[in-house]
Amino acid sequence: SEQELEQLMALIEQMVSHSHSEKNTAIIGLTEQLVRRLQGGRITSCKSAKDRTSMAVTAEQAQLLHERHGVDGVEAAALADEMRIHGVRWLNMRKNVHKGRYAFNWLQQR
């Protein structure tokens, strides 16, 4: 409904205005929801299109499995992990950095 869209937009605005310099990944998920509800198009890409992009893409795929196909939330999260380890995003990352690992430090992996 229009009211739900307005509430979602207000929440996004609030999160953006209070996030300052830290990376608030919840903003990505909320803006994905907003654009999907508006039937719009968008992309998610980090500088090299491997680490954060891969995490965002697989998180969105898992969310869609949960929302639209009835996959349990825990199972959807496990599927996101599997996509990150064995899926096409892993191949893209390997192609970019010539190594089979993401460039996240210990804290970012938590």
Foldseek 3Di string as FASTA:
>chain_A
DVVVLVVLVVVLVVCVVPVPPDDDCVNLVSVVVNCVVVVHDDADADPQRAAPRLLSVLVVVLVCCVVPVVDDNVVSVVVSVVCCQPNPSQVSNCVRPVDRDHPDDPVRVD
